[in-house]
PDB file of N, CA and C in Angstrom:
ATOM      1  N   MET A   1       0.865  -1.148  -0.185  1.00  0.00           N
ATOM      2  CA  MET A   1       0.072  -0.057  -0.086  1.00  0.00           C
ATOM      3  C   MET A   1       0.916   1.075   0.204  1.00  0.00           C
ATOM      4  N   LYS A   2       1.884   1.056   0.540  1.00  0.00           N
ATOM      5  CA  LYS A   2       2.813   2.231   0.749  1.00  0.00           C
ATOM      6  C   LYS A   2       3.686   2.510  -1.026  1.00  0.00           C
ATOM      7  N   HIS A   3       3.793   1.420  -1.576  1.00  0.00           N
ATOM      8  CA  HIS A   3       4.585   1.632  -2.771  1.00  0.00           C
ATOM      9  C   HIS A   3       3.512   2.506  -3.856  1.00  0.00           C
ATOM     10  N   LEU A   4       2.158   1.923  -3.676  1.00  0.00           N
ATOM     11  CA  LEU A   4       0.838   2.597  -4.296  1.00  0.00           C
ATOM     12  C   LEU A   4       0.549   4.001  -3.992  1.00  0.00           C
ATOM     13  N   SER A   5       0.793   4.196  -2.579  1.00  0.00           N
ATOM     14  CA  SER A   5       0.559   5.823  -2.277  1.00  0.00           C
ATOM     15  C   SER A   5       1.460   6.360  -2.902  1.00  0.00           C
ATOM     16  N   LYS A   6       3.331   6.201  -3.123  1.00  0.00           N
ATOM     17  CA  LYS A   6       4.264   6.556  -3.833  1.00  0.00           C
ATOM     18  C   LYS A   6       4.136   6.811  -5.193  1.00  0.00           C
ATOM     19  N   ILE A   7       3.867   5.582  -5.795  1.00  0.00           N
ATOM     20  CA  ILE A   7       3.601   5.983  -7.122  1.00  0.00           C
ATOM     21  C   ILE A   7       2.844   7.051  -7.397  1.00  0.00           C
ATOM     22  N   LEU A   8       1.511   6.681  -6.726  1.00  0.00           N
ATOM     23  CA  LEU A   8       0.248   7.851  -7.185  1.00  0.00           C
ATOM     24  C   LEU A   8       0.635   9.492  -6.888  1.00  0.00           C
ATOM     25  N   ALA A   9       1.624   9.694  -5.948  1.00  0.00           N
ATOM     26  CA  ALA A   9       1.977  11.131  -5.138  1.00  0.00           C
ATOM     27  C   ALA A   9       3.060  11.415  -6.408  1.00  0.00           C
ATOM     28  N   VAL A  10       4.013  10.844  -6.872  1.00  0.00           N
ATOM     29  CA  VAL A  10       4.963  10.990  -7.901  1.00  0.00           C
ATOM     30  C   VAL A  10       3.981  11.145  -9.514  1.00  0.00           C
ATOM     31  N   SER A  11       3.230  10.262  -9.458  1.00  0.00           N
ATOM     32  CA  SER A  11       2.529  10.117 -11.191  1.00  0.00           C
ATOM     33  C   SER A  11       2.000  11.795 -11.181  1.00  0.00           C
ATOM     34  N   SER A  12       1.045  12.138  -9.886  1.00  0.00           N
ATOM     35  CA  SER A  12       0.449  13.112  -9.465  1.00  0.00           C
ATOM     36  C   SER A  12       1.046  15.306  -9.987  1.00  0.00           C
ATOM     37  N   LEU A  13       2.387  14.467  -9.504  1.00  0.00           N
ATOM     38  CA  LEU A  13       3.531  15.549  -9.301  1.00  0.00           C
ATOM     39  C   LEU A  13       4.061  15.715 -10.751  1.00  0.00           C
ATOM     40  N   ALA A  14       4.192  14.625 -11.569  1.00  0.00           N
ATOM     41  CA  ALA A  14       4.995  14.548 -12.997  1.00  0.00           C
ATOM     42  C   ALA A  14       3.461  15.220 -13.753  1.00  0.00           C
ATOM     43  N   LEU A  15       2.406  15.206 -13.681  1.00  0.00           N
ATOM     44  CA  LEU A  15       1.387  15.328 -14.505  1.00  0.00           C
ATOM     45  C   LEU A  15       1.291  16.770 -14.140  1.00  0.00           C
ATOM     46  N   ALA A  16       0.931  17.593 -13.225  1.00  0.00           N
ATOM     47  CA  ALA A  16       1.038  18.810 -12.575  1.00  0.00           C
ATOM     48  C   ALA A  16       2.328  19.409 -13.157  1.00  0.00           C
ATOM     49  N   ALA A  17       3.249  18.810 -13.226  1.00  0.00           N
ATOM     50  CA  ALA A  17       4.452  19.505 -14.093  1.00  0.00           C
ATOM     51  C   ALA A  17       4.719  19.752 -15.729  1.00  0.00           C
ATOM     52  N   SER A  18       4.062  18.364 -16.240  1.00  0.00           N
ATOM     53  CA  SER A  18       3.787  18.617 -17.586  1.00  0.00           C
ATOM     54  C   SER A  18       2.699  19.253 -18.074  1.00  0.00           C
ATOM     55  N   ALA A  19       1.917  19.574 -17.128  1.00  0.00           N
ATOM     56  CA  ALA A  19       0.708  20.260 -17.855  1.00  0.00           C
ATOM     57  C   ALA A  19       0.766  21.889 -17.687  1.00  0.00           C
ATOM     58  N   CYS A  20       1.765  22.602 -17.638  1.00  0.00           N
ATOM     59  CA  CYS A  20       2.262  23.976 -17.081  1.00  0.00           C
ATOM     60  C   CYS A  20       2.071  24.611 -18.896  1.00  0.00           C
ATOM     61  N   ASP A  21       1.309  25.598 -18.670  1.00  0.00           N
ATOM     62  CA  ASP A  21       1.715  26.961 -19.947  1.00  0.00           C
ATOM     63  C   ASP A  21       2.162  27.873 -19.959  1.00  0.00           C
ATOM     64  N   VAL A  22       3.728  27.870 -20.260  1.00  0.00           N
ATOM     65  CA  VAL A  22       4.410  29.578 -20.007  1.00  0.00           C
ATOM     66  C   VAL A  22       4.409  29.830 -21.172  1.00  0.00           C
ATOM     67  N   ASN A  23       3.773  31.540 -21.212  1.00  0.00           N
ATOM     68  CA  ASN A  23       4.183  32.289 -21.775  1.00  0.00           C
ATOM     69  C   ASN A  23       5.137  33.513 -21.469  1.00  0.00           C
ATOM     70  N   LYS A  24       5.710  34.118 -22.343  1.00  0.00           N
ATOM     71  CA  LYS A  24       6.784  34.661 -21.966  1.00  0.00           C
ATOM     72  C   LYS A  24       6.460  36.257 -22.322  1.00  0.00           C
ATOM     73  N   THR A  25       6.309  37.209 -21.088  1.00  0.00           N
ATOM     74  CA  THR A  25       5.893  38.300 -21.100  1.00  0.00           C
ATOM     75  C   THR A  25       6.832  39.474 -21.257  1.00  0.00           C
ATOM     76  N   GLU A  26       8.381  39.415 -20.859  1.00  0.00           N
ATOM     77  CA  GLU A  26       8.986  40.089 -21.406  1.00  0.00           C
ATOM     78  C   GLU A  26      10.340  39.899 -21.607  1.00  0.00           C
ATOM     79  N   GLU A  27      11.064  40.836 -22.586  1.00  0.00           N
ATOM     80  CA  GLU A  27      12.020  40.276 -23.126  1.00  0.00           C
ATOM     81  C   GLU A  27      13.488  40.481 -22.013  1.00  0.00           C
ATOM     82  N   GLY A  28      14.249  39.829 -21.780  1.00  0.00           N
ATOM     83  CA  GLY A  28      15.612  40.248 -20.885  1.00  0.00           C
ATOM     84  C   GLY A  28      16.569  41.151 -21.871  1.00  0.00           C
ATOM     85  N   GLU A  29      17.499  41.429 -21.194  1.00  0.00           N
ATOM     86  CA  GLU A  29      18.839  41.939 -21.867  1.00  0.00           C
ATOM     87  C   GLU A  29      20.121  41.442 -20.964  1.00  0.00           C
ATOM     88  N   MET A  30      20.972  41.479 -21.871  1.00  0.00           N
ATOM     89  CA  MET A  30      22.517  41.330 -21.158  1.00  0.00           C
ATOM     90  C   MET A  30      22.917  42.197 -20.658  1.00  0.00           C
ATOM     91  N   PRO A  31      23.630  42.334 -19.307  1.00  0.00           N
ATOM     92  CA  PRO A  31      24.249  43.305 -18.852  1.00  0.00           C
ATOM     93  C   PRO A  31      25.373  43.813 -19.765  1.00  0.00           C
ATOM     94  N   ASP A  32      25.483  45.729 -19.448  1.00  0.00           N
ATOM     95  CA  ASP A  32      26.461  46.392 -20.132  1.00  0.00           C
ATOM     96  C   ASP A  32      27.536  46.032 -19.595  1.00  0.00           C
ATOM     97  N   VAL A  33      28.869  45.632 -20.307  1.00  0.00           N
ATOM     98  CA  VAL A  33      30.228  45.487 -19.865  1.00  0.00           C
ATOM     99  C   VAL A  33      31.223  46.716 -20.288  1.00  0.00           C
ATOM    100  N   ASP A  34      31.487  46.851 -19.670  1.00  0.00           N
ATOM    101  CA  ASP A  34      33.035  48.133 -19.998  1.00  0.00           C
ATOM    102  C   ASP A  34      34.200  47.637 -19.391  1.00  0.00           C
ATOM    103  N   VAL A  35      35.016  47.523 -20.176  1.00  0.00           N
ATOM    104  CA  VAL A  35      36.348  46.786 -20.117  1.00  0.00           C
ATOM    105  C   VAL A  35      37.450  47.643 -20.808  1.00  0.00           C
ATOM    106  N   ASP A  36      38.771  48.015 -20.022  1.00  0.00           N
ATOM    107  CA  ASP A  36      39.554  48.766 -20.190  1.00  0.00           C
ATOM    108  C   ASP A  36      40.706  47.495 -20.632  1.00  0.00           C
ATOM    109  N   ALA A  37      41.314  47.753 -21.681  1.00  0.00           N
ATOM    110  CA  ALA A  37      42.421  47.023 -22.225  1.00  0.00           C
ATOM    111  C   ALA A  37      43.738  47.154 -21.232  1.00  0.00           C
ATOM    112  N   GLY A  38      43.901  45.940 -20.849  1.00  0.00           N
ATOM    113  CA  GLY A  38      45.388  46.009 -19.915  1.00  0.00           C
ATOM    114  C   GLY A  38      46.654  45.698 -20.951  1.00  0.00           C
ATOM    115  N   GLU A  39      47.875  45.793 -19.908  1.00  0.00           N
ATOM    116  CA  GLU A  39      48.768  45.410 -21.048  1.00  0.00           C
ATOM    117  C   GLU A  39      49.276  43.994 -20.953  1.00  0.00           C
ATOM    118  N   MET A  40      49.518  43.242 -22.234  1.00  0.00           N
ATOM    119  CA  MET A  40      49.484  41.850 -22.555  1.00  0.00           C
ATOM    120  C   MET A  40      51.284  41.530 -22.469  1.00  0.00           C
ATOM    121  N   PRO A  41      51.324  40.674 -22.310  1.00  0.00           N
ATOM    122  CA  PRO A  41      53.072  40.376 -22.605  1.00  0.00           C
ATOM    123  C   PRO A  41      53.141  40.359 -24.386  1.00  0.00           C
ATOM    124  N   GLU A  42      54.493  39.884 -24.750  1.00  0.00           N
ATOM    125  CA  GLU A  42      54.914  40.036 -26.149  1.00  0.00           C
ATOM    126  C   GLU A  42      54.814  38.251 -25.971  1.00  0.00           C
ATOM    127  N   TYR A  43      54.336  37.936 -27.507  1.00  0.00           N
ATOM    128  CA  TYR A  43      54.524  36.607 -27.755  1.00  0.00           C
ATOM    129  C   TYR A  43      55.857  35.741 -27.907  1.00  0.00           C
ATOM    130  N   GLU A  44      56.327  35.688 -27.061  1.00  0.00           N
ATOM    131  CA  GLU A  44      57.858  35.094 -26.889  1.00  0.00           C
ATOM    132  C   GLU A  44      57.606  33.998 -26.206  1.00  0.00           C
ATOM    133  N   VAL A  45      59.008  33.448 -26.244  1.00  0.00           N
ATOM    134  CA  VAL A  45      58.848  32.150 -25.100  1.00  0.00           C
ATOM    135  C   VAL A  45      59.411  33.047 -23.810  1.00  0.00           C
ATOM    136  N   LYS A  46      60.207  33.953 -23.850  1.00  0.00           N
ATOM    137  CA  LYS A  46      60.481  34.527 -22.470  1.00  0.00           C
ATOM    138  C   LYS A  46      59.690  35.681 -22.378  1.00  0.00           C
ATOM    139  N   LYS A  47      59.356  35.782 -20.934  1.00  0.00           N
ATOM    140  CA  LYS A  47      58.694  36.888 -20.305  1.00  0.00           C
ATOM    141  C   LYS A  47      59.239  38.150 -20.280  1.00  0.00           C
ATOM    142  N   THR A  48      58.834  39.444 -21.521  1.00  0.00           N
ATOM    143  CA  THR A  48      59.789  40.659 -21.799  1.00  0.00           C
ATOM    144  C   THR A  48      59.270  41.379 -20.375  1.00  0.00           C
ATOM    145  N   GLU A  49      58.083  41.467 -19.613  1.00  0.00           N
ATOM    146  CA  GLU A  49      57.205  42.607 -18.894  1.00  0.00           C
ATOM    147  C   GLU A  49      56.026  42.091 -18.643  1.00  0.00           C
ATOM    148  N   GLU A  50      55.974  42.655 -17.204  1.00  0.00           N
ATOM    149  CA  GLU A  50      54.650  42.217 -16.224  1.00  0.00           C
ATOM    150  C   GLU A  50      53.723  42.811 -17.328  1.00  0.00           C
ATOM    151  N   GLY A  51      52.608  42.055 -16.830  1.00  0.00           N
ATOM    152  CA  GLY A  51      51.108  42.348 -17.384  1.00  0.00           C
ATOM    153  C   GLY A  51      50.285  43.148 -16.329  1.00  0.00           C
ATOM    154  N   GLU A  52      48.814  43.499 -17.088  1.00  0.00           N
ATOM    155  CA  GLU A  52      48.116  44.330 -16.073  1.00  0.00           C
ATOM    156  C   GLU A  52      46.781  43.229 -16.196  1.00  0.00           C
ATOM    157  N   LEU A  53      45.845  43.482 -15.380  1.00  0.00           N
ATOM    158  CA  LEU A  53      44.450  42.796 -14.904  1.00  0.00           C
ATOM    159  C   LEU A  53      43.728  43.925 -15.660  1.00  0.00           C
ATOM    160  N   PRO A  54      42.562  43.919 -16.685  1.00  0.00           N
ATOM    161  CA  PRO A  54      41.801  45.168 -17.249  1.00  0.00           C
ATOM    162  C   PRO A  54      41.189  45.635 -15.769  1.00  0.00           C
ATOM    163  N   GLU A  55      40.406  46.387 -16.456  1.00  0.00           N
ATOM    164  CA  GLU A  55      39.570  46.789 -14.962  1.00  0.00           C
ATOM    165  C   GLU A  55      38.018  47.015 -15.762  1.00  0.00           C
ATOM    166  N   ALA A  56      37.378  46.248 -14.861  1.00  0.00           N
ATOM    167  CA  ALA A  56      35.539  45.959 -15.558  1.00  0.00           C
ATOM    168  C   ALA A  56      34.666  46.838 -15.058  1.00  0.00           C
ATOM    169  N   ASP A  57      33.825  47.290 -15.462  1.00  0.00           N
ATOM    170  CA  ASP A  57      32.592  47.641 -14.744  1.00  0.00           C
ATOM    171  C   ASP A  57      31.624  46.909 -15.490  1.00  0.00           C
ATOM    172  N   ILE A  58      30.636  46.422 -14.660  1.00  0.00           N
ATOM    173  CA  ILE A  58      29.756  45.539 -15.072  1.00  0.00           C
ATOM    174  C   ILE A  58      28.371  45.805 -14.533  1.00  0.00           C
ATOM    175  N   ASP A  59      27.428  46.405 -14.821  1.00  0.00           N
ATOM    176  CA  ASP A  59      26.027  46.552 -14.308  1.00  0.00           C
ATOM    177  C   ASP A  59      25.425  45.318 -14.760  1.00  0.00           C
ATOM    178  N   GLY A  60      24.638  44.796 -13.490  1.00  0.00           N
ATOM    179  CA  GLY A  60      23.583  43.905 -13.663  1.00  0.00           C
ATOM    180  C   GLY A  60      22.315  43.759 -15.006  1.00  0.00           C
ATOM    181  N   GLY A  61      22.092  42.562 -15.394  1.00  0.00           N
ATOM    182  CA  GLY A  61      21.047  42.706 -16.857  1.00  0.00           C
ATOM    183  C   GLY A  61      19.774  42.493 -15.991  1.00  0.00           C
ATOM    184  N   GLU A  62      18.821  41.910 -16.664  1.00  0.00           N
ATOM    185  CA  GLU A  62      17.555  41.825 -16.469  1.00  0.00           C
ATOM    186  C   GLU A  62      16.947  40.651 -16.538  1.00  0.00           C
ATOM    187  N   LEU A  63      16.211  39.737 -16.057  1.00  0.00           N
ATOM    188  CA  LEU A  63      15.670  38.180 -16.133  1.00  0.00           C
ATOM    189  C   LEU A  63      14.434  38.689 -16.813  1.00  0.00           C
ATOM    190  N   PRO A  64      14.027  37.925 -18.032  1.00  0.00           N
ATOM    191  CA  PRO A  64      12.393  37.798 -18.619  1.00  0.00           C
ATOM    192  C   PRO A  64      11.456  37.523 -17.509  1.00  0.00           C
ATOM    193  N   GLU A  65      10.632  38.533 -17.756  1.00  0.00           N
ATOM    194  CA  GLU A  65       9.443  37.788 -16.855  1.00  0.00           C
ATOM    195  C   GLU A  65       8.565  36.703 -17.744  1.00  0.00           C
ATOM    196  N   TYR A  66       8.219  35.870 -16.649  1.00  0.00           N
ATOM    197  CA  TYR A  66       7.235  34.843 -17.547  1.00  0.00           C
ATOM    198  C   TYR A  66       5.805  34.443 -16.669  1.00  0.00           C
ATOM    199  N   GLU A  67       4.560  34.536 -17.393  1.00  0.00           N
ATOM    200  CA  GLU A  67       3.826  33.990 -17.137  1.00  0.00           C
ATOM    201  C   GLU A  67       2.922  32.890 -16.627  1.00  0.00           C
ATOM    202  N   VAL A  68       3.134  31.918 -15.722  1.00  0.00           N
ATOM    203  CA  VAL A  68       2.812  30.633 -16.273  1.00  0.00           C
ATOM    204  C   VAL A  68       1.186  30.144 -15.474  1.00  0.00           C
ATOM    205  N   ASP A  69       0.729  29.458 -16.087  1.00  0.00           N
ATOM    206  CA  ASP A  69      -0.969  29.163 -15.876  1.00  0.00           C
ATOM    207  C   ASP A  69      -0.299  27.645 -15.696  1.00  0.00           C
ATOM    208  N   THR A  70      -0.762  27.010 -14.214  1.00  0.00           N
ATOM    209  CA  THR A  70      -0.342  25.504 -14.130  1.00  0.00           C
ATOM    210  C   THR A  70      -1.987  25.299 -13.631  1.00  0.00           C
ATOM    211  N   MET A  71      -2.167  23.781 -13.469  1.00  0.00           N
ATOM    212  CA  MET A  71      -3.422  23.278 -13.677  1.00  0.00           C
ATOM    213  C   MET A  71      -3.482  22.912 -11.802  1.00  0.00           C
ATOM    214  N   ASP A  72      -4.991  22.890 -11.687  1.00  0.00           N
ATOM    215  CA  ASP A  72      -5.177  22.999 -10.418  1.00  0.00           C
ATOM    216  C   ASP A  72      -5.199  21.424 -10.019  1.00  0.00           C
ATOM    217  N   VAL A  73      -4.582  21.207  -8.722  1.00  0.00           N
ATOM    218  CA  VAL A  73      -4.570  19.590  -8.333  1.00  0.00           C
ATOM    219  C   VAL A  73      -4.913  19.629  -7.187  1.00  0.00           C
ATOM    220  N   ASP A  74      -6.241  18.429  -6.850  1.00  0.00           N
ATOM    221  CA  ASP A  74      -6.935  18.263  -5.484  1.00  0.00           C
ATOM    222  C   ASP A  74      -5.996  17.255  -5.122  1.00  0.00           C
ATOM    223  N   VAL A  75      -5.257  17.410  -3.593  1.00  0.00           N
ATOM    224  CA  VAL A  75      -4.926  16.389  -2.933  1.00  0.00           C
ATOM    225  C   VAL A  75      -5.543  16.352  -1.848  1.00  0.00           C
ATOM    226  N   ASP A  76      -6.364  14.877  -1.388  1.00  0.00           N
ATOM    227  CA  ASP A  76      -6.894  14.739  -0.447  1.00  0.00           C
ATOM    228  C   ASP A  76      -5.543  13.747   0.827  1.00  0.00           C
ATOM    229  N   THR A  77      -6.193  13.942   1.669  1.00  0.00           N
ATOM    230  CA  THR A  77      -5.798  13.193   2.696  1.00  0.00           C
ATOM    231  C   THR A  77      -6.433  12.175   3.650  1.00  0.00           C
ATOM    232  N   GLU A  78      -6.000  11.008   3.673  1.00  0.00           N
ATOM    233  CA  GLU A  78      -7.403  10.139   4.882  1.00  0.00           C
ATOM    234  C   GLU A  78      -6.574   9.283   6.107  1.00  0.00           C
ATOM    235  N   THR A  79      -6.979   9.416   7.360  1.00  0.00           N
ATOM    236  CA  THR A  79      -6.345   8.988   8.140  1.00  0.00           C
ATOM    237  C   THR A  79      -6.716   8.229   8.401  1.00  0.00           C
ATOM    238  N   LYS A  80      -5.477   6.652   9.491  1.00  0.00           N
ATOM    239  CA  LYS A  80      -5.981   5.568   8.880  1.00  0.00           C
ATOM    240  C   LYS A  80      -5.076   4.830  10.663  1.00  0.00           C
ATOM    241  N   GLU A  81      -5.561   3.999  11.149  1.00  0.00           N
ATOM    242  CA  GLU A  81      -5.329   3.902  12.156  1.00  0.00           C
ATOM    243  C   GLU A  81      -4.480   2.180  11.849  1.00  0.00           C
ATOM    244  N   VAL A  82      -2.952   1.844  12.251  1.00  0.00           N
ATOM    245  CA  VAL A  82      -2.178   1.230  12.243  1.00  0.00           C
ATOM    246  C   VAL A  82      -1.630   0.734  13.539  1.00  0.00           C
ATOM    247  N   GLU A  83      -1.932  -0.607  13.739  1.00  0.00           N
ATOM    248  CA  GLU A  83      -1.673  -1.158  14.851  1.00  0.00           C
ATOM    249  C   GLU A  83      -0.235  -1.307  14.957  1.00  0.00           C
ATOM    250  N   VAL A  84       0.640  -0.882  15.867  1.00  0.00           N
ATOM    251  CA  VAL A  84       1.990  -1.351  16.177  1.00  0.00           C
ATOM    252  C   VAL A  84       1.993  -2.286  17.446  1.00  0.00           C
ATOM    253  N   PRO A  85       3.144  -3.468  17.047  1.00  0.00           N
ATOM    254  CA  PRO A  85       3.417  -4.164  18.047  1.00  0.00           C
ATOM    255  C   PRO A  85       4.284  -3.592  19.425  1.00  0.00           C
ATOM    256  N   VAL A  86       3.753  -4.070  20.409  1.00  0.00           N
ATOM    257  CA  VAL A  86       4.882  -4.350  21.504  1.00  0.00           C
ATOM    258  C   VAL A  86       6.077  -4.581  21.560  1.00  0.00           C
ATOM    259  N   VAL A  87       7.307  -4.048  21.645  1.00  0.00           N
ATOM    260  CA  VAL A  87       8.100  -4.551  22.181  1.00  0.00           C
ATOM    261  C   VAL A  87       9.012  -4.586  23.031  1.00  0.00           C
ATOM    262  N   ASP A  88       9.144  -5.744  23.921  1.00  0.00           N
ATOM    263  CA  ASP A  88      10.019  -5.619  25.592  1.00  0.00           C
ATOM    264  C   ASP A  88      11.604  -5.696  25.257  1.00  0.00           C
ATOM    265  N   VAL A  89      12.648  -4.836  25.222  1.00  0.00           N
ATOM    266  CA  VAL A  89      13.649  -4.923  25.056  1.00  0.00           C
ATOM    267  C   VAL A  89      14.605  -5.437  26.682  1.00  0.00           C
ATOM    268  N   GLU A  90      14.751  -6.426  26.767  1.00  0.00           N
ATOM    269  CA  GLU A  90      15.919  -6.702  27.992  1.00  0.00           C
ATOM    270  C   GLU A  90      17.499  -6.686  27.838  1.00  0.00           C
ATOM    271  N   MET A  91      17.816  -5.520  28.507  1.00  0.00           N
ATOM    272  CA  MET A  91      19.275  -5.533  28.019  1.00  0.00           C
ATOM    273  C   MET A  91      20.188  -6.544  29.183  1.00  0.00           C
ATOM    274  N   PRO A  92      21.074  -7.284  28.700  1.00  0.00           N
ATOM    275  CA  PRO A  92      21.568  -7.841  29.461  1.00  0.00           C
ATOM    276  C   PRO A  92      22.702  -6.808  30.587  1.00  0.00           C
ATOM    277  N   GLU A  93      22.964  -7.297  31.751  1.00  0.00           N
ATOM    278  CA  GLU A  93      23.678  -6.780  32.897  1.00  0.00           C
ATOM    279  C   GLU A  93      24.917  -6.450  32.379  1.00  0.00           C
ATOM    280  N   GLU A  94      25.408  -5.502  32.890  1.00  0.00           N
ATOM    281  CA  GLU A  94      27.004  -5.298  32.351  1.00  0.00           C
ATOM    282  C   GLU A  94      27.852  -5.394  34.092  1.00  0.00           C
ATOM    283  N   ASP A  95      28.753  -6.399  33.599  1.00  0.00           N
ATOM    284  CA  ASP A  95      29.571  -6.762  34.769  1.00  0.00           C
ATOM    285  C   ASP A  95      30.972  -6.228  34.375  1.00  0.00           C
ATOM    286  N   ASP A  96      31.578  -5.411  35.847  1.00  0.00           N
ATOM    287  CA  ASP A  96      33.081  -4.499  35.397  1.00  0.00           C
ATOM    288  C   ASP A  96      34.294  -5.527  35.080  1.00  0.00           C
ATOM    289  N   ASP A  97      33.942  -7.054  35.274  1.00  0.00           N
ATOM    290  CA  ASP A  97      35.104  -7.879  35.318  1.00  0.00           C
ATOM    291  C   ASP A  97      34.954  -8.153  33.672  1.00  0.00           C
ATOM    292  N   ASP A  98      34.100  -8.479  32.804  1.00  0.00           N
ATOM    293  CA  ASP A  98      34.083  -8.660  31.627  1.00  0.00           C
ATOM    294  C   ASP A  98      34.048  -7.297  30.593  1.00  0.00           C
ATOM    295  N   SER A  99      34.998  -6.560  31.149  1.00  0.00           N
ATOM    296  CA  SER A  99      34.813  -4.705  30.418  1.00  0.00           C
ATOM    297  C   SER A  99      35.686  -4.830  28.920  1.00  0.00           C
ATOM    298  N   GLY A 100      36.649  -6.103  29.354  1.00  0.00           N
ATOM    299  CA  GLY A 100      37.777  -6.219  28.179  1.00  0.00           C
ATOM    300  C   GLY A 100      38.736  -5.356  28.172  1.00  0.00           C
ATOM    301  N   ASN A 101      39.534  -4.374  29.204  1.00  0.00           N
ATOM    302  CA  ASN A 101      40.158  -4.085  29.581  1.00  0.00           C
ATOM    303  C   ASN A 101      41.356  -4.890  30.499  1.00  0.00           C
TER     304      ASN A 101
END
């Protein structure tokens, strides 16, 4: 019965995820990037001068907006009473002589 309810739950989620209708409502844009060129070493086997990293000013971009219409999913719960067995555990008494040291 547990497996059937798990399969039913997974199937419901898969159906809900596959039944989505997505419409793009706004275009996104890439961020503006200003890069100042730095000095590059010459293309030789030996390094003739030190290079510098360029300075970069980056403004954040904007993600497009989406409107998503999903289907309605009704999930019901029911309470079941389960009989749990009573377990009586008797621990052996510990002897100081048998401690293994």
